[in-house]
Amino acid sequence: MHKKALRRAALLMLTMLLFILVSCGGGGGGGSDSGFTQSDYEFLYTYNASSLDGHTIRWANVPIGVSAGAFADARTAFNRWNSASGGAVSFNFAGSNIPVFWSSSTAWCGLTTMNWSSAGRITSAKISIARNQTGCLGGAADTLAHEAGHAIGFLGHDAIGLMNPKGGEPISDQEGRFMKLLYSLAPGTNISGELGKSRSSSGTYDKSGGKIHTLTISRSK
């Protein structure tokens, strides 16, 4: 009788342990427990991870330093991403990771040049804003917010929202979730397992970070 009671107690403890493990989940990249959907990961892949073989590209440390003393609206422009991401990405306006400059160019509204390592860490970014914002929807403040999106990891132009190529729109819910998801994952996180179908490998990812990739992207008039 004593042995039966011990076996029953052991079985009960094992059942409780299994319940705890299932409840806690495995984590490791968001998934349904984090509230992110497959669609969120697909969007992240399209505008970020596709540039590095399915691995995330972002600044390694937050807050991200910004040097934009010549721009009165810099804090407001950058902090639009802080609000949209629910605080996942933030900025230090006494830093120097992302310097912002005025430009006399009339070919575009704003331009961002950035570099990232093959391990997924953004190593530098520079933003140029055209003084002449004629034909630029939303003006310099909107252009700066758009270019800030590129400088922190949005590597392309969306069809709608702030990151559309012409600007003049607020940050969309999907763009905000993009940034929240990106900065919830470590640089170089492989999100391929969260996608609906497999992607071919380009061989651009290298965890040693030995190669630097460069992208220049502009918001045209």
Protein backbone atom coordinates (compact mmCIF):
# COMPACT_ATOMS: atom_id res chain seq x y z
CA MET A 1 0.00 0.00 0.00
CA HIS A 2 2.87 2.30 0.86
CA LYS A 3 4.49 1.63 -2.55
CA LYS A 4 1.22 2.43 -4.35
CA ALA A 5 0.97 5.75 -2.53
CA LEU A 6 4.56 6.64 -3.49
CA ARG A 7 3.91 5.79 -7.14
CA ARG A 8 0.74 7.87 -7.10
CA ALA A 9 2.58 10.83 -5.58
CA ALA A 10 5.42 10.52 -8.10
CA LEU A 11 2.93 10.42 -10.98
CA LEU A 12 1.17 13.51 -9.63
CA MET A 13 4.47 15.41 -9.37
CA LEU A 14 5.43 14.43 -12.91
CA THR A 15 2.06 15.60 -14.23
CA MET A 16 2.47 18.95 -12.45
CA LEU A 17 5.99 19.38 -13.83
CA LEU A 18 4.83 18.72 -17.38
CA PHE A 19 2.00 21.22 -16.94
CA ILE A 20 4.45 23.89 -15.76
CA LEU A 21 6.79 23.30 -18.70
CA VAL A 22 3.97 23.52 -21.23
CA SER A 23 2.61 26.67 -19.61
CA CYS A 24 5.99 28.42 -19.69
CA GLY A 25 6.60 27.56 -23.31
CA GLY A 26 9.92 27.43 -25.11
CA GLY A 27 10.24 31.08 -26.11
CA GLY A 28 13.04 31.49 -28.65
CA GLY A 29 11.87 34.06 -31.17
CA GLY A 30 8.41 35.25 -30.33
CA GLY A 31 5.84 32.86 -31.75
CA SER A 32 2.22 32.88 -30.67
CA ASP A 33 3.06 33.34 -26.96
CA SER A 34 4.51 36.80 -27.71
CA GLY A 35 1.47 37.92 -29.68
CA PHE A 36 3.33 38.06 -33.00
CA THR A 37 1.84 36.27 -35.98
CA GLN A 38 3.30 34.55 -39.01
CA SER A 39 2.27 37.65 -40.97
CA ASP A 40 4.43 39.78 -38.66
CA TYR A 41 7.42 37.53 -39.32
CA GLU A 42 6.77 37.59 -43.07
CA PHE A 43 6.72 41.40 -42.98
CA LEU A 44 9.95 41.43 -40.94
CA TYR A 45 11.53 39.09 -43.46
CA THR A 46 10.49 41.23 -46.44
CA TYR A 47 11.77 44.53 -45.06
CA ASN A 48 14.73 43.36 -43.00
CA ALA A 49 15.83 39.73 -42.68
CA SER A 50 15.70 38.98 -46.41
CA SER A 51 18.83 41.13 -46.71
CA LEU A 52 20.78 38.73 -44.47
CA ASP A 53 19.72 35.21 -45.32
CA GLY A 54 16.70 35.27 -42.98
CA HIS A 55 18.56 36.79 -40.00
CA THR A 56 17.57 40.02 -38.26
CA ILE A 57 19.50 43.26 -38.76
CA ARG A 58 19.37 45.87 -35.98
CA TRP A 59 21.40 48.03 -33.63
CA ALA A 60 22.80 45.82 -30.88
CA ASN A 61 22.22 48.31 -28.07
CA VAL A 62 19.24 50.48 -27.12
CA PRO A 63 18.88 53.41 -26.66
CA ILE A 64 20.39 54.29 -30.03
CA GLY A 65 22.52 57.43 -30.09
CA VAL A 66 21.33 60.27 -32.35
CA SER A 67 23.24 63.44 -33.25
CA ALA A 68 20.79 65.91 -34.79
CA GLY A 69 21.40 69.23 -33.07
CA ALA A 70 20.53 71.23 -36.18
CA PHE A 71 17.01 69.76 -36.32
CA ALA A 72 14.47 71.25 -33.93
CA ASP A 73 12.02 68.42 -34.55
CA ALA A 74 14.52 65.56 -34.26
CA ARG A 75 13.25 64.22 -30.93
CA THR A 76 9.65 64.22 -32.11
CA ALA A 77 10.57 62.59 -35.41
CA PHE A 78 12.63 59.77 -33.93
CA ASN A 79 10.34 59.20 -30.97
CA ARG A 80 7.46 58.42 -33.30
CA TRP A 81 9.17 55.02 -33.57
CA ASN A 82 9.49 54.77 -29.81
CA SER A 83 5.73 55.23 -29.47
CA ALA A 84 4.82 52.98 -32.40
CA SER A 85 7.01 50.13 -31.10
CA GLY A 86 5.64 50.37 -27.57
CA GLY A 87 9.06 51.46 -26.29
CA ALA A 88 10.95 48.53 -27.86
CA VAL A 89 13.27 50.97 -29.61
CA SER A 90 14.42 54.20 -27.97
CA PHE A 91 16.94 56.97 -28.54
CA ASN A 92 19.64 58.96 -26.78
CA PHE A 93 19.89 62.43 -28.32
CA ALA A 94 23.35 63.04 -26.92
CA GLY A 95 24.77 60.06 -28.83
CA SER A 96 26.42 59.66 -32.21
CA ASN A 97 25.30 56.35 -33.75
CA ILE A 98 23.05 58.15 -36.24
CA PRO A 99 24.28 61.62 -37.30
CA VAL A 100 21.79 63.74 -39.23
CA PHE A 101 22.83 66.42 -41.75
CA TRP A 102 21.20 68.98 -44.00
CA SER A 103 21.82 68.58 -47.73
CA SER A 104 21.52 70.92 -50.71
CA SER A 105 20.43 68.06 -52.98
CA THR A 106 17.25 68.57 -54.98
CA ALA A 107 17.08 64.99 -56.26
CA TRP A 108 15.48 63.52 -53.15
CA CYS A 109 13.75 64.48 -49.89
CA GLY A 110 15.96 62.39 -47.61
CA LEU A 111 18.67 59.77 -47.91
CA THR A 112 20.07 57.17 -45.51
CA THR A 113 23.30 55.22 -45.85
CA MET A 114 23.84 52.39 -43.40
CA ASN A 115 26.23 49.54 -42.78
CA TRP A 116 25.67 46.24 -40.99
CA SER A 117 27.87 43.26 -40.27
CA SER A 118 27.26 39.77 -41.60
CA ALA A 119 26.25 38.85 -38.02
CA GLY A 120 23.26 41.22 -38.16
CA ARG A 121 24.54 44.22 -36.19
CA ILE A 122 24.05 47.70 -37.65
CA THR A 123 27.44 49.37 -37.28
CA SER A 124 26.73 52.85 -38.64
CA ALA A 125 24.04 54.96 -40.28
CA LYS A 126 23.96 58.49 -41.64
CA ILE A 127 20.88 60.52 -42.58
CA SER A 128 20.80 63.47 -44.99
CA ILE A 129 17.73 65.71 -45.23
CA ALA A 130 17.21 68.03 -48.21
CA ARG A 131 16.80 71.68 -47.23
CA ASN A 132 14.38 72.12 -50.10
CA GLN A 133 11.37 69.97 -49.21
CA THR A 134 9.24 71.11 -52.13
CA GLY A 135 7.27 68.08 -53.29
CA CYS A 136 8.05 66.18 -50.08
CA LEU A 137 4.82 65.27 -48.29
CA GLY A 138 4.90 66.18 -44.62
CA GLY A 139 7.99 68.35 -44.88
CA ALA A 140 11.36 67.90 -43.18
CA ALA A 141 9.99 66.45 -39.93
CA ASP A 142 8.11 63.71 -41.76
CA THR A 143 11.11 63.02 -44.00
CA LEU A 144 13.35 62.71 -40.94
CA ALA A 145 10.97 60.24 -39.28
CA HIS A 146 10.90 58.22 -42.51
CA GLU A 147 14.70 58.15 -42.77
CA ALA A 148 14.95 57.26 -39.07
CA GLY A 149 12.91 54.16 -39.87
CA HIS A 150 15.53 53.12 -42.43
CA ALA A 151 18.42 53.90 -40.07
CA ILE A 152 17.07 51.56 -37.38
CA GLY A 153 16.26 48.64 -39.64
CA PHE A 154 13.41 49.17 -42.13
CA LEU A 155 15.27 48.23 -45.32
CA GLY A 156 12.86 49.13 -48.07
CA HIS A 157 9.63 50.98 -48.83
CA ASP A 158 6.18 49.82 -47.79
CA ALA A 159 3.05 50.33 -49.88
CA ILE A 160 1.32 52.28 -47.09
CA GLY A 161 2.28 53.98 -43.84
CA LEU A 162 5.21 56.27 -43.08
CA MET A 163 7.62 53.99 -44.94
CA ASN A 164 5.90 54.38 -48.31
CA PRO A 165 8.29 55.98 -50.84
CA LYS A 166 6.46 59.33 -50.96
CA GLY A 167 5.78 59.78 -47.22
CA GLY A 168 3.03 61.93 -45.77
CA GLU A 169 1.34 59.13 -43.82
CA PRO A 170 1.49 58.04 -40.15
CA ILE A 171 3.37 54.95 -39.03
CA SER A 172 1.05 52.05 -39.79
CA ASP A 173 0.15 49.43 -37.20
CA GLN A 174 2.09 46.86 -39.22
CA GLU A 175 5.19 49.08 -39.31
CA GLY A 176 4.96 49.58 -35.56
CA ARG A 177 4.68 45.82 -34.98
CA PHE A 178 7.64 45.34 -37.32
CA MET A 179 9.85 47.52 -35.14
CA LYS A 180 8.52 46.00 -31.92
CA LEU A 181 9.27 42.49 -33.20
CA LEU A 182 12.69 43.42 -34.60
CA TYR A 183 13.86 44.91 -31.30
CA SER A 184 12.50 42.00 -29.28
CA LEU A 185 14.95 39.71 -31.10
CA ALA A 186 18.74 39.72 -30.86
CA PRO A 187 20.76 40.88 -33.88
CA GLY A 188 21.29 37.96 -36.26
CA THR A 189 18.28 35.96 -35.06
CA ASN A 190 17.23 33.39 -37.66
CA ILE A 191 13.48 33.84 -38.25
CA SER A 192 13.25 31.29 -41.07
CA GLY A 193 11.42 28.82 -38.83
CA GLU A 194 8.61 31.34 -38.28
CA LEU A 195 7.89 31.79 -42.00
CA GLY A 196 5.23 30.00 -43.97
CA LYS A 197 7.64 28.47 -46.46
CA SER A 198 11.35 27.84 -46.71
CA ARG A 199 13.63 30.43 -48.31
CA SER A 200 16.74 29.65 -50.31
CA SER A 201 20.06 30.46 -48.66
CA SER A 202 22.25 33.21 -50.08
CA GLY A 203 25.13 32.58 -47.71
CA THR A 204 25.31 36.24 -46.61
CA TYR A 205 24.95 35.51 -42.88
CA ASP A 206 28.15 34.86 -40.95
CA LYS A 207 28.04 34.79 -37.14
CA SER A 208 31.66 36.01 -36.99
CA GLY A 209 30.48 39.32 -38.49
CA GLY A 210 33.53 39.48 -40.72
CA LYS A 211 31.85 41.20 -43.67
CA ILE A 212 30.19 44.62 -43.80
CA HIS A 213 27.15 45.24 -46.01
CA THR A 214 26.13 48.73 -47.18
CA LEU A 215 22.75 50.09 -48.23
CA THR A 216 21.83 53.57 -49.46
CA ILE A 217 18.13 54.30 -49.75
CA SER A 218 16.31 57.54 -50.48
CA ARG A 219 12.86 59.04 -50.25
CA SER A 220 12.28 60.54 -53.67
CA LYS A 221 10.23 63.59 -54.63
